[in-house]
């Protein structure tokens, strides 16, 4: 794999990631409802999901993804159901600011898992890795060092895309300190997540 291949992959991933889709929508909604820290862990889950897809493609499993569609459909529905659960929790929470602060420490794992499931059920991510990546890099020539470079580039590009979204959404949340405003914010974020869940489920059907 050449440096040109790696740069082409990085650029294509950046373009695909920066275009708002289920992942970005879920990240913004989570940041509005929970702040920066749990949303950052959700972002790490998203990144791990991308790395898993990349690994599958590098190992030659693009064919498996295209053949065993039922297994991938189950993953999509699992992601949609989990998002629906988070949406319900946000909608019914009505939390005060200090209660959210206390809850953050215990929600990091669920945030990470939700990010992973969002990526698993994201048709845009699946299409990028299964259909596009094999045309961008010579998979037959990928060695351990090449794979490591791809993983680092994937994580770096996604962090560059996700962190600004998280910061902007979390900053906007800080201006809403009134209980009624926070309740409205939770319900707005829950509605966005519910819409994302419906979108993923509809694309999986």
Protein backbone atom coordinates (compact mmCIF):
# COMPACT_ATOMS: atom_id res chain seq x y z
CA UNK A 1 0.00 0.00 0.00
CA UNK A 2 1.39 3.39 -0.99
CA UNK A 3 1.14 6.75 0.76
CA UNK A 4 -1.18 7.86 -2.04
CA UNK A 5 -3.55 4.97 -1.22
CA UNK A 6 -3.54 5.96 2.44
CA UNK A 7 -4.22 9.62 1.67
CA UNK A 8 -7.02 8.71 -0.71
CA UNK A 9 -8.59 6.51 1.96
CA UNK A 10 -8.25 9.25 4.59
CA UNK A 11 -9.88 11.84 2.33
CA UNK A 12 -12.74 9.54 1.36
CA UNK A 13 -13.35 8.63 5.02
CA UNK A 14 -13.33 12.31 6.02
CA UNK A 15 -15.91 13.19 3.36
CA UNK A 16 -18.10 10.23 4.30
CA UNK A 17 -17.88 10.97 8.04
CA UNK A 18 -18.46 14.72 7.90
CA UNK A 19 -21.73 14.31 5.97
CA UNK A 20 -24.44 14.10 8.67
CA UNK A 21 -25.93 10.64 9.02
CA UNK A 22 -27.16 8.39 11.84
CA UNK A 23 -23.78 8.52 13.61
CA UNK A 24 -23.46 12.31 13.63
CA UNK A 25 -27.13 12.72 14.52
CA UNK A 26 -26.77 10.37 17.47
CA UNK A 27 -23.59 12.13 18.62
CA UNK A 28 -25.22 15.57 18.57
CA UNK A 29 -28.32 14.31 20.35
CA UNK A 30 -26.23 12.62 23.05
CA UNK A 31 -24.09 15.73 23.56
CA UNK A 32 -27.21 17.88 23.93
CA UNK A 33 -28.65 15.49 26.48
CA UNK A 34 -25.55 14.41 28.41
CA UNK A 35 -22.63 16.78 27.78
CA UNK A 36 -19.11 16.20 26.50
CA UNK A 37 -17.65 13.31 28.51
CA UNK A 38 -20.23 10.54 27.89
CA UNK A 39 -20.61 11.70 24.29
CA UNK A 40 -16.85 11.42 23.76
CA UNK A 41 -17.06 7.79 24.90
CA UNK A 42 -19.94 7.32 22.48
CA UNK A 43 -17.60 8.67 19.80
CA UNK A 44 -14.99 6.09 20.81
CA UNK A 45 -17.63 3.41 20.33
CA UNK A 46 -18.36 4.77 16.86
CA UNK A 47 -14.66 4.65 16.03
CA UNK A 48 -14.33 1.06 17.28
CA UNK A 49 -17.25 0.12 15.05
CA UNK A 50 -15.51 1.64 12.05
CA UNK A 51 -12.29 -0.19 12.90
CA UNK A 52 -14.27 -3.44 13.13
CA UNK A 53 -15.70 -2.90 9.64
CA UNK A 54 -12.24 -2.00 8.34
CA UNK A 55 -10.78 -5.14 9.90
CA UNK A 56 -13.49 -7.30 8.36
CA UNK A 57 -12.80 -5.86 4.92
CA UNK A 58 -9.03 -6.24 5.26
CA UNK A 59 -9.52 -9.87 6.31
CA UNK A 60 -11.54 -10.45 3.18
CA UNK A 61 -14.95 -10.55 4.84
CA UNK A 62 -16.64 -8.10 2.48
CA UNK A 63 -17.98 -11.18 0.70
CA UNK A 64 -19.38 -12.49 3.99
CA UNK A 65 -21.09 -9.17 4.67
CA UNK A 66 -22.73 -9.28 1.27
CA UNK A 67 -23.70 -12.96 1.53
CA UNK A 68 -24.94 -13.30 5.12
CA UNK A 69 -27.28 -10.33 5.03
CA UNK A 70 -29.50 -11.67 7.83
CA UNK A 71 -26.74 -11.37 10.43
CA UNK A 72 -26.04 -7.79 9.44
CA UNK A 73 -29.75 -6.99 9.48
CA UNK A 74 -29.93 -8.29 13.06
CA UNK A 75 -27.08 -5.93 13.98
CA UNK A 76 -28.95 -3.02 12.42
CA UNK A 77 -32.12 -3.78 14.38
CA UNK A 78 -30.09 -4.20 17.60
CA UNK A 79 -28.62 -0.73 17.07
CA UNK A 80 -32.06 0.72 16.35
CA UNK A 81 -33.58 -0.85 19.48
CA UNK A 82 -30.75 0.41 21.68
CA UNK A 83 -31.14 3.93 20.30
CA UNK A 84 -34.86 3.70 20.94
CA UNK A 85 -34.14 2.79 24.56
CA UNK A 86 -31.82 5.79 24.98
CA UNK A 87 -34.44 8.03 23.37
CA UNK A 88 -37.06 6.81 25.84
CA UNK A 89 -34.72 7.45 28.79
CA UNK A 90 -34.03 11.01 27.60
CA UNK A 91 -37.70 11.70 26.93
CA UNK A 92 -38.83 10.58 30.39
CA UNK A 93 -35.82 11.89 32.38
CA UNK A 94 -36.68 15.55 33.04
CA UNK A 95 -33.29 15.80 34.79
CA UNK A 96 -31.89 18.81 36.56
CA UNK A 97 -28.34 19.89 35.77
CA UNK A 98 -26.85 18.55 38.98
CA UNK A 99 -28.54 15.19 38.48
CA UNK A 100 -27.03 14.87 35.04
CA UNK A 101 -23.61 15.66 36.47
CA UNK A 102 -23.99 12.85 38.97
CA UNK A 103 -25.14 10.42 36.29
CA UNK A 104 -22.28 10.98 33.87
CA UNK A 105 -19.74 8.77 35.61
CA UNK A 106 -22.04 5.75 35.46
CA UNK A 107 -23.05 6.17 31.83
CA UNK A 108 -19.69 5.91 30.07
CA UNK A 109 -20.01 2.22 29.24
CA UNK A 110 -23.56 2.62 27.93
CA UNK A 111 -22.40 5.62 25.90
CA UNK A 112 -19.55 3.58 24.41
CA UNK A 113 -21.84 0.64 23.66
CA UNK A 114 -24.46 2.86 22.06
CA UNK A 115 -21.81 4.35 19.76
CA UNK A 116 -20.65 0.87 18.77
CA UNK A 117 -24.21 -0.27 18.02
CA UNK A 118 -24.99 2.89 16.05
CA UNK A 119 -22.03 2.14 13.78
CA UNK A 120 -22.99 -1.53 13.51
CA UNK A 121 -26.45 -0.53 12.32
CA UNK A 122 -25.42 2.41 10.15
CA UNK A 123 -26.01 1.57 6.46
CA UNK A 124 -23.78 4.46 5.36
CA UNK A 125 -20.82 3.06 7.30
CA UNK A 126 -21.43 -0.46 6.04
CA UNK A 127 -21.65 0.76 2.44
CA UNK A 128 -18.43 2.76 2.78
CA UNK A 129 -16.33 -0.14 4.06
CA UNK A 130 -17.88 -3.02 2.14
CA UNK A 131 -18.39 -1.32 -1.23
CA UNK A 132 -16.00 1.65 -1.41
CA UNK A 133 -12.88 0.76 0.59
CA UNK A 134 -11.96 -2.23 -1.62
CA UNK A 135 -11.77 0.22 -4.53
CA UNK A 136 -9.53 2.67 -2.63
CA UNK A 137 -6.82 0.42 -1.24
CA UNK A 138 -5.20 -2.79 -2.56
CA UNK A 139 -6.57 -5.23 0.02
CA UNK A 140 -4.46 -8.11 -1.29
CA UNK A 141 -1.28 -6.17 -0.47
CA UNK A 142 -2.19 -5.12 3.08
CA UNK A 143 0.36 -6.27 5.68
CA UNK A 144 0.48 -5.72 9.43
CA UNK A 145 2.12 -2.30 9.16
CA UNK A 146 -0.36 -1.22 6.51
CA UNK A 147 -3.26 -2.36 8.66
CA UNK A 148 -1.88 -0.50 11.68
CA UNK A 149 -1.54 2.64 9.58
CA UNK A 150 -5.15 2.29 8.39
CA UNK A 151 -6.39 1.91 11.97
CA UNK A 152 -4.48 5.01 13.12
CA UNK A 153 -5.72 7.05 10.16
CA UNK A 154 -9.30 5.87 10.72
CA UNK A 155 -9.24 6.86 14.40
CA UNK A 156 -7.55 10.20 13.69
CA UNK A 157 -9.92 11.20 10.89
CA UNK A 158 -13.02 10.28 12.88
CA UNK A 159 -11.80 12.17 15.95
CA UNK A 160 -11.16 15.24 13.78
CA UNK A 161 -14.74 15.00 12.52
CA UNK A 162 -16.54 14.02 15.73
CA UNK A 163 -14.91 16.21 18.39
CA UNK A 164 -16.05 19.55 16.91
CA UNK A 165 -19.63 18.24 16.68
CA UNK A 166 -19.46 17.10 20.32
CA UNK A 167 -17.94 20.36 21.56
CA UNK A 168 -20.45 22.57 19.78
CA UNK A 169 -23.46 20.55 20.94
CA UNK A 170 -22.15 20.28 24.53
CA UNK A 171 -21.42 24.02 24.61
CA UNK A 172 -24.93 24.81 23.45
CA UNK A 173 -26.24 22.65 26.27
CA UNK A 174 -24.41 24.69 28.91
CA UNK A 175 -26.54 27.72 28.11
CA UNK A 176 -29.69 25.87 29.08
CA UNK A 177 -29.65 25.69 32.87
CA UNK A 178 -33.33 26.13 33.69
CA UNK A 179 -35.12 22.86 34.60
CA UNK A 180 -37.87 23.47 32.03
CA UNK A 181 -35.33 24.23 29.31
CA UNK A 182 -33.32 21.14 30.23
CA UNK A 183 -36.44 18.99 30.11
CA UNK A 184 -37.23 20.35 26.65
CA UNK A 185 -33.64 19.69 25.61
CA UNK A 186 -33.81 16.09 26.85
CA UNK A 187 -37.03 15.53 24.92
CA UNK A 188 -35.61 17.14 21.79
CA UNK A 189 -32.52 14.93 22.00
CA UNK A 190 -34.74 11.91 22.65
CA UNK A 191 -36.84 12.74 19.61
CA UNK A 192 -33.74 13.01 17.43
CA UNK A 193 -32.44 9.66 18.67
CA UNK A 194 -35.85 8.07 18.12
CA UNK A 195 -35.86 9.40 14.56
CA UNK A 196 -32.39 7.95 14.04
CA UNK A 197 -33.58 4.59 15.36
CA UNK A 198 -36.54 4.61 12.98
CA UNK A 199 -34.23 5.53 10.08
CA UNK A 200 -31.87 2.64 10.82
CA UNK A 201 -34.75 0.19 11.25
CA UNK A 202 -36.36 1.34 7.99
CA UNK A 203 -33.10 0.91 6.09
CA UNK A 204 -32.66 -2.54 7.62
CA UNK A 205 -36.15 -3.70 6.60
